[in-house]
């Protein structure tokens, strides 16, 4: 089958050049109209936890709120890293 295709292309050079030209033009137009993301996001999912408990000491917030939430989030399969931040108000 491939030998027959090569033989046909050798006999019909003009048709082969036209088909190749059409395929090239179609590919160029498709490439221009395809939306590409400039910088794809391939990083792991990152979760940032902000904890605020008005009137409480930062150590108390860290121990009773932020740390339990962060340790629970680490068990989620899609989370690559978890960053904890306690606001010092």
C-alpha atoms as a PDB file:
ATOM      1  CA  UNK A   1       0.000   0.000   0.000  1.00  0.00           C
ATOM      2  CA  UNK A   2       2.821   2.408   0.834  1.00  0.00           C
ATOM      3  CA  UNK A   3       4.636   1.431  -2.358  1.00  0.00           C
ATOM      4  CA  UNK A   4       1.488   2.222  -4.370  1.00  0.00           C
ATOM      5  CA  UNK A   5       1.176   5.622  -2.658  1.00  0.00           C
ATOM      6  CA  UNK A   6       4.806   6.463  -3.409  1.00  0.00           C
ATOM      7  CA  UNK A   7       4.340   5.376  -7.027  1.00  0.00           C
ATOM      8  CA  UNK A   8       1.213   7.546  -7.357  1.00  0.00           C
ATOM      9  CA  UNK A   9       3.054  10.559  -5.890  1.00  0.00           C
ATOM     10  CA  UNK A  10       5.954   9.984  -8.310  1.00  0.00           C
ATOM     11  CA  UNK A  11       3.579   9.875 -11.295  1.00  0.00           C
ATOM     12  CA  UNK A  12       1.471  12.867 -10.189  1.00  0.00           C
ATOM     13  CA  UNK A  13       4.027  15.403  -9.006  1.00  0.00           C
ATOM     14  CA  UNK A  14       1.791  18.438  -9.477  1.00  0.00           C
ATOM     15  CA  UNK A  15      -1.072  16.888  -7.481  1.00  0.00           C
ATOM     16  CA  UNK A  16       1.402  15.852  -4.764  1.00  0.00           C
ATOM     17  CA  UNK A  17       2.838  19.380  -4.530  1.00  0.00           C
ATOM     18  CA  UNK A  18      -0.663  20.876  -4.378  1.00  0.00           C
ATOM     19  CA  UNK A  19      -1.723  18.474  -1.611  1.00  0.00           C
ATOM     20  CA  UNK A  20       1.436  19.175   0.379  1.00  0.00           C
ATOM     21  CA  UNK A  21       0.934  22.922  -0.094  1.00  0.00           C
ATOM     22  CA  UNK A  22      -2.687  22.727   1.047  1.00  0.00           C
ATOM     23  CA  UNK A  23      -1.738  20.665   4.086  1.00  0.00           C
ATOM     24  CA  UNK A  24       1.017  23.157   4.963  1.00  0.00           C
ATOM     25  CA  UNK A  25      -1.330  26.146   4.605  1.00  0.00           C
ATOM     26  CA  UNK A  26      -3.990  24.407   6.688  1.00  0.00           C
ATOM     27  CA  UNK A  27      -1.436  23.628   9.400  1.00  0.00           C
ATOM     28  CA  UNK A  28      -0.162  27.234   9.420  1.00  0.00           C
ATOM     29  CA  UNK A  29      -3.708  28.596   9.758  1.00  0.00           C
ATOM     30  CA  UNK A  30      -4.490  26.109  12.517  1.00  0.00           C
ATOM     31  CA  UNK A  31      -1.324  27.080  14.365  1.00  0.00           C
ATOM     32  CA  UNK A  32      -2.228  30.779  14.189  1.00  0.00           C
ATOM     33  CA  UNK A  33      -5.757  30.246  15.496  1.00  0.00           C
ATOM     34  CA  UNK A  34      -4.797  27.910  18.347  1.00  0.00           C
ATOM     35  CA  UNK A  35      -4.677  29.668  21.715  1.00  0.00           C
ATOM     36  CA  UNK A  36      -1.505  28.809  23.596  1.00  0.00           C
ATOM     37  CA  UNK A  37      -0.864  29.447  27.257  1.00  0.00           C
ATOM     38  CA  UNK A  38       2.354  31.432  27.600  1.00  0.00           C
ATOM     39  CA  UNK A  39       3.444  29.792  30.839  1.00  0.00           C
ATOM     40  CA  UNK A  40       1.516  26.636  31.707  1.00  0.00           C
ATOM     41  CA  UNK A  41       1.074  25.970  35.398  1.00  0.00           C
ATOM     42  CA  UNK A  42       2.737  22.614  35.978  1.00  0.00           C
ATOM     43  CA  UNK A  43       3.450  23.111  39.670  1.00  0.00           C
ATOM     44  CA  UNK A  44       1.880  21.152  42.498  1.00  0.00           C
ATOM     45  CA  UNK A  45      -1.271  22.433  44.134  1.00  0.00           C
ATOM     46  CA  UNK A  46      -0.315  24.719  47.012  1.00  0.00           C
ATOM     47  CA  UNK A  47      -2.667  25.635  49.830  1.00  0.00           C
ATOM     48  CA  UNK A  48      -2.063  28.700  51.981  1.00  0.00           C
ATOM     49  CA  UNK A  49      -3.842  28.793  55.337  1.00  0.00           C
ATOM     50  CA  UNK A  50      -4.374  32.178  57.001  1.00  0.00           C
ATOM     51  CA  UNK A  51      -5.624  32.021  60.583  1.00  0.00           C
ATOM     52  CA  UNK A  52      -6.978  34.950  62.539  1.00  0.00           C
ATOM     53  CA  UNK A  53      -8.576  34.760  65.984  1.00  0.00           C
ATOM     54  CA  UNK A  54      -9.078  38.219  67.411  1.00  0.00           C
ATOM     55  CA  UNK A  55      -7.908  38.737  70.956  1.00  0.00           C
ATOM     56  CA  UNK A  56      -5.874  35.504  71.154  1.00  0.00           C
ATOM     57  CA  UNK A  57      -2.115  35.047  71.337  1.00  0.00           C
ATOM     58  CA  UNK A  58      -0.364  33.923  68.131  1.00  0.00           C
ATOM     59  CA  UNK A  59       0.949  30.767  69.827  1.00  0.00           C
ATOM     60  CA  UNK A  60      -2.573  29.809  70.872  1.00  0.00           C
ATOM     61  CA  UNK A  61      -3.857  30.349  67.331  1.00  0.00           C
ATOM     62  CA  UNK A  62      -0.958  28.340  65.914  1.00  0.00           C
ATOM     63  CA  UNK A  63      -1.560  25.400  68.249  1.00  0.00           C
ATOM     64  CA  UNK A  64      -5.365  25.284  68.231  1.00  0.00           C
ATOM     65  CA  UNK A  65      -6.338  26.464  64.732  1.00  0.00           C
ATOM     66  CA  UNK A  66      -3.572  26.637  62.158  1.00  0.00           C
ATOM     67  CA  UNK A  67      -1.631  23.476  62.932  1.00  0.00           C
ATOM     68  CA  UNK A  68      -4.680  21.123  62.979  1.00  0.00           C
ATOM     69  CA  UNK A  69      -5.944  22.594  59.699  1.00  0.00           C
ATOM     70  CA  UNK A  70      -2.527  22.278  58.022  1.00  0.00           C
ATOM     71  CA  UNK A  71      -2.016  18.696  59.155  1.00  0.00           C
ATOM     72  CA  UNK A  72      -5.489  17.794  57.884  1.00  0.00           C
ATOM     73  CA  UNK A  73      -4.754  19.415  54.505  1.00  0.00           C
ATOM     74  CA  UNK A  74      -1.549  17.419  54.057  1.00  0.00           C
ATOM     75  CA  UNK A  75      -3.593  14.213  53.746  1.00  0.00           C
ATOM     76  CA  UNK A  76      -5.397  15.498  50.626  1.00  0.00           C
ATOM     77  CA  UNK A  77      -3.942  13.687  47.610  1.00  0.00           C
ATOM     78  CA  UNK A  78      -3.631  16.646  45.209  1.00  0.00           C
ATOM     79  CA  UNK A  79      -1.947  19.040  47.654  1.00  0.00           C
ATOM     80  CA  UNK A  80       1.803  19.186  47.039  1.00  0.00           C
ATOM     81  CA  UNK A  81       2.659  21.597  49.845  1.00  0.00           C
ATOM     82  CA  UNK A  82       0.858  23.529  52.553  1.00  0.00           C
ATOM     83  CA  UNK A  83       2.055  26.860  53.915  1.00  0.00           C
ATOM     84  CA  UNK A  84       0.802  28.148  57.243  1.00  0.00           C
ATOM     85  CA  UNK A  85       0.666  31.778  58.316  1.00  0.00           C
ATOM     86  CA  UNK A  86      -0.612  33.172  61.578  1.00  0.00           C
ATOM     87  CA  UNK A  87      -1.358  36.899  61.596  1.00  0.00           C
ATOM     88  CA  UNK A  88       0.352  38.640  64.498  1.00  0.00           C
ATOM     89  CA  UNK A  89      -2.344  41.209  65.341  1.00  0.00           C
END
